Protein backbone atom coordinates (compact mmCIF):
# COMPACT_ATOMS: atom_id res chain seq x y z
CA MET A 1 -103.91 -64.79 99.95
CA GLU A 2 -100.25 -65.27 99.34
CA ASP A 3 -97.37 -65.08 101.96
CA PRO A 4 -96.80 -61.65 103.08
CA ILE A 5 -93.66 -59.76 101.76
CA GLY A 6 -90.64 -59.89 104.19
CA VAL A 7 -90.74 -55.93 104.70
CA LYS A 8 -92.41 -54.54 107.63
CA GLU A 9 -94.18 -51.83 105.83
CA ALA A 10 -95.80 -54.42 103.18
CA ALA A 11 -96.79 -56.79 105.94
CA GLN A 12 -100.01 -58.52 105.36
CA VAL A 13 -100.15 -57.32 101.94
CA PRO A 14 -100.34 -60.03 99.16
CA ARG A 15 -97.31 -60.38 97.00
CA GLN A 16 -99.45 -60.16 93.89
CA ARG A 17 -100.58 -56.69 95.04
CA VAL A 18 -97.12 -55.17 95.66
CA ASP A 19 -95.65 -57.04 92.43
CA GLN A 20 -98.64 -55.24 90.47
CA LEU A 21 -97.48 -51.80 91.97
CA LEU A 22 -93.83 -52.21 90.92
CA ASP A 23 -94.61 -53.65 87.63
CA ALA A 24 -96.97 -50.56 86.89
CA ALA A 25 -94.61 -48.21 87.91
CA VAL A 26 -91.69 -49.67 85.83
CA ARG A 27 -94.32 -49.99 82.80
CA TYR A 28 -95.32 -46.39 82.91
CA THR A 29 -91.72 -45.10 82.45
CA GLU A 30 -90.83 -47.65 79.91
CA GLU A 31 -93.93 -47.61 77.83
CA ARG A 32 -95.23 -44.20 78.29
CA HIS A 33 -92.24 -42.12 79.45
CA TRP A 34 -94.21 -40.79 82.35
CA ASP A 35 -92.48 -39.70 85.62
CA VAL A 36 -93.55 -41.77 88.67
CA CYS A 37 -93.22 -40.99 92.30
CA PRO A 38 -93.93 -43.35 95.17
CA GLY A 39 -96.29 -42.09 98.00
CA THR A 40 -97.56 -43.44 101.23
CA TRP A 41 -98.64 -47.06 101.79
CA LEU A 42 -101.00 -49.19 103.79
CA GLU A 43 -100.12 -50.72 107.14
CA PRO A 44 -101.89 -53.15 109.26
CA VAL A 45 -102.89 -51.38 112.58
CA ASP A 46 -105.31 -53.44 115.06
CA GLY A 47 -106.72 -55.65 112.32
CA ALA A 48 -107.36 -52.63 109.87
CA GLN A 49 -105.19 -50.82 107.16
CA ARG A 50 -104.12 -47.54 108.14
CA CYS A 51 -101.83 -44.97 106.00
CA SER A 52 -98.11 -45.00 106.70
CA CYS A 53 -98.47 -41.26 107.25
CA GLY A 54 -99.95 -41.99 110.63
CA GLU A 55 -103.01 -39.73 110.61
CA VAL A 56 -106.10 -41.62 111.79
CA GLY A 57 -108.07 -39.47 109.63
CA CYS A 58 -106.33 -39.51 106.68
CA ALA A 59 -108.37 -38.34 103.47
CA ALA A 60 -106.46 -40.64 101.16
CA PRO A 61 -104.99 -43.49 103.17
CA GLY A 62 -102.08 -45.05 101.10
CA ALA A 63 -102.57 -42.82 98.36
CA HIS A 64 -100.72 -39.43 98.62
CA PRO A 65 -97.32 -38.10 98.66
CA THR A 66 -95.03 -38.67 101.75
CA ARG A 67 -93.65 -35.29 101.90
CA ALA A 68 -93.85 -31.62 100.80
CA ASP A 69 -91.03 -31.91 98.23
CA TRP A 70 -92.49 -35.10 96.65
CA ALA A 71 -92.41 -33.90 93.12
CA GLN A 72 -88.46 -33.55 93.39
CA GLY A 73 -88.53 -37.47 94.01
CA ALA A 74 -90.36 -38.37 90.77
CA THR A 75 -88.45 -40.24 88.04
CA GLY A 76 -88.62 -41.01 84.48
CA SER A 77 -86.04 -43.82 84.98
CA ALA A 78 -87.35 -47.35 84.73
CA ALA A 79 -84.27 -48.56 86.95
CA ALA A 80 -84.86 -45.85 89.45
CA ALA A 81 -88.60 -46.83 89.62
CA ARG A 82 -87.76 -50.44 90.10
CA ARG A 83 -85.35 -49.54 92.89
CA MET A 84 -87.78 -47.33 94.65
CA TRP A 85 -90.74 -49.91 94.73
CA THR A 86 -88.45 -52.79 95.62
CA GLN A 87 -87.36 -50.61 98.85
CA GLN A 88 -90.92 -50.05 99.39
CA PRO A 89 -93.09 -52.45 97.57
CA GLY A 90 -96.43 -51.02 98.84
CA ALA A 91 -95.93 -47.59 97.89
CA ALA A 92 -98.54 -45.75 95.91
CA VAL A 93 -97.89 -44.89 92.25
CA LEU A 94 -98.36 -41.28 91.90
CA LEU A 95 -97.97 -39.54 88.33
CA PRO A 96 -97.03 -35.87 88.51
CA THR A 97 -99.25 -33.58 86.31
CA GLY A 98 -98.05 -30.83 84.10
CA ARG A 99 -95.15 -32.74 82.76
CA ALA A 100 -96.21 -35.47 80.03
CA PHE A 101 -99.83 -34.69 80.63
CA ASP A 102 -102.48 -32.71 82.73
CA ALA A 103 -105.87 -34.49 83.79
CA LEU A 104 -109.42 -33.15 83.59
CA ASP A 105 -111.11 -34.59 86.87
CA VAL A 106 -115.14 -34.99 86.80
CA PRO A 107 -117.65 -36.97 88.89
CA GLU A 108 -117.64 -40.44 87.61
CA SER A 109 -121.35 -40.31 86.65
CA ALA A 110 -120.70 -37.17 84.41
CA GLY A 111 -117.24 -39.12 83.13
CA PHE A 112 -119.11 -42.03 81.79
CA LEU A 113 -121.79 -40.10 80.16
CA ALA A 114 -119.30 -37.97 78.31
CA LEU A 115 -117.12 -40.99 77.62
CA ALA A 116 -119.94 -42.65 75.77
CA ARG A 117 -120.70 -39.50 73.91
CA MET A 118 -117.02 -38.84 72.93
CA GLU A 119 -116.72 -42.19 71.49
CA ARG A 120 -119.80 -41.72 69.32
CA MET A 121 -118.22 -38.65 68.17
CA SER A 122 -114.86 -40.34 67.36
CA LEU A 123 -113.27 -37.73 69.41
CA PRO A 124 -109.39 -38.35 70.18
CA LEU A 125 -109.36 -39.89 73.66
CA GLY A 126 -106.27 -40.50 76.05
CA PRO A 127 -106.10 -42.86 79.17
CA VAL A 128 -108.76 -42.26 81.68
CA THR A 129 -108.59 -43.44 85.29
CA ARG A 130 -111.53 -44.21 87.67
CA THR A 131 -110.99 -43.70 91.34
CA PRO A 132 -112.75 -45.28 94.30
CA ASP A 133 -114.08 -41.84 95.13
CA ARG A 134 -116.21 -41.93 92.16
CA ARG A 135 -114.30 -39.58 90.30
CA MET A 136 -112.70 -40.01 86.52
CA GLN A 137 -109.78 -38.42 85.05
CA PHE A 138 -109.08 -37.74 81.48
CA PHE A 139 -105.52 -37.36 80.48
CA VAL A 140 -104.79 -34.33 78.09
CA LEU A 141 -101.90 -32.47 76.81
CA PRO A 142 -99.98 -30.39 79.50
CA GLY A 143 -101.16 -26.84 79.97
CA ALA A 144 -104.95 -27.77 80.31
CA ALA A 145 -105.36 -26.93 83.78
CA ALA A 146 -104.66 -23.38 83.34
CA LYS A 147 -107.31 -23.07 80.65
CA VAL A 148 -110.12 -25.19 82.16
CA GLU A 149 -112.26 -22.32 84.06
CA ASP A 150 -112.05 -20.13 81.06
CA LEU A 151 -113.01 -22.84 78.63
CA VAL A 152 -115.93 -24.17 80.60
CA ARG A 153 -117.24 -20.22 81.29
CA ARG A 154 -117.32 -19.76 77.44
CA ALA A 155 -119.19 -23.05 77.13
CA GLY A 156 -121.74 -21.47 79.62
CA TRP A 157 -120.89 -23.30 82.74
CA ASN A 158 -118.96 -22.42 86.07
CA ALA A 159 -116.43 -25.38 86.54
CA ALA A 160 -116.47 -25.33 90.28
CA SER A 161 -120.35 -25.47 90.36
CA ILE A 162 -120.49 -28.52 87.83
CA GLY A 163 -117.61 -30.33 89.56
CA LEU A 164 -115.05 -30.05 86.59
CA ARG A 165 -111.42 -29.16 87.51
CA GLY A 166 -107.98 -29.39 85.95
CA VAL A 167 -105.23 -30.93 87.52
CA GLY A 168 -101.77 -29.73 86.34
CA GLU A 169 -98.38 -28.30 87.55
CA GLY A 170 -97.38 -29.22 90.96
CA ASP A 171 -100.30 -31.81 91.34
CA TYR A 172 -100.48 -35.49 90.55
CA VAL A 173 -102.93 -38.10 89.86
CA THR A 174 -102.89 -41.70 91.76
CA ALA A 175 -102.32 -44.48 89.00
CA PRO A 176 -103.72 -48.04 88.98
CA PRO A 177 -103.38 -50.41 90.83
CA THR A 178 -103.00 -48.06 93.74
CA ARG A 179 -105.54 -48.75 96.52
CA VAL A 180 -106.90 -46.00 98.53
CA GLY A 181 -107.68 -47.39 102.25
CA GLY A 182 -110.40 -49.82 102.36
CA THR A 183 -112.54 -48.11 99.56
CA GLY A 184 -110.91 -49.90 96.53
CA ALA A 185 -108.22 -49.47 93.84
CA VAL A 186 -107.81 -46.93 91.23
CA GLN A 187 -108.69 -48.43 87.80
CA TRP A 188 -108.43 -47.61 84.19
CA ALA A 189 -111.54 -46.69 82.47
CA ARG A 190 -109.48 -46.48 79.35
CA SER A 191 -106.14 -48.17 79.50
CA PRO A 192 -102.83 -46.54 77.95
CA THR A 193 -102.49 -48.25 74.62
CA THR A 194 -100.36 -47.50 71.47
CA ALA A 195 -103.53 -46.36 70.16
CA ASN A 196 -103.92 -43.37 72.71
CA ARG A 197 -100.24 -42.48 73.04
CA TRP A 198 -100.79 -39.14 71.67
CA LEU A 199 -103.06 -37.16 73.77
CA PRO A 200 -105.82 -34.77 72.94
CA GLU A 201 -105.92 -30.94 73.64
CA VAL A 202 -108.28 -29.77 76.37
CA GLU A 203 -110.12 -27.98 73.79
CA GLU A 204 -111.09 -31.03 72.16
CA LEU A 205 -112.66 -32.91 75.10
CA ILE A 206 -114.03 -29.72 77.33
CA SER A 207 -117.40 -29.14 75.47
CA PRO A 208 -118.46 -32.67 76.21
CA LEU A 209 -117.16 -32.85 79.67
CA ALA A 210 -118.73 -29.79 80.62
CA TYR A 211 -122.23 -30.62 79.21
CA ALA A 212 -122.09 -34.04 81.08
CA CYS A 213 -120.99 -32.43 84.56
CA GLY A 214 -123.63 -29.79 84.05
CA ARG A 215 -126.42 -32.30 83.20
CA VAL A 216 -125.56 -34.43 86.51
CA ALA A 217 -125.28 -31.44 88.62
CA ALA A 218 -128.68 -30.30 87.16
CA ASP A 219 -130.09 -33.90 87.97
CA ALA A 220 -128.72 -33.98 91.38
CA ARG A 221 -130.27 -30.51 92.22
CA GLU A 222 -133.57 -31.37 90.77
CA SER A 223 -133.74 -34.55 92.84
CA LEU A 224 -133.04 -32.46 96.14
CA SER A 225 -135.93 -29.93 95.32
């Protein structure tokens, strides 16, 4: 482990770690033109890493907004992002949805199943994240979240019962390499590249995603019976 940063909030966090967060935030604004927003961070308390929000039972330690009006603090400026993460190097990198993209959030097992199928079908794919709580988020064009329930119903499924949901306006996704408590860091299952700069429509991905989610949900019910 490298020497700790000389900032109280980032104490005992490796320099490489916080530098990665700053670099990622700047890169998202410069290369993808995504807005970014700094979130909470992890602080050492009694030998453990606790969320800066102070809640002992925080559901997403070190990986959620710091205030209710967090979206107003999001920026698409690389200079502003650099300044924000220089001031608080350990802050989570949050990406507001409903602006440059929405996300389709699914269980990880279903996400990998769908991803393999979509690649075989040569469907257009955007970036895909993988979270420590075993979820995956497929980036699609904005406006998708409002269509999800109806599209899934037309495909013969119920979105809530199969664990498929849209993340859109007023919400956010946590971006790599943000760490969520002691469970691990958010990762890219499919990294942002020049090849996936143009995002797909939700209609292009909903069928294979709903099928995979439905299959995984059915298998889970079967294993419990």
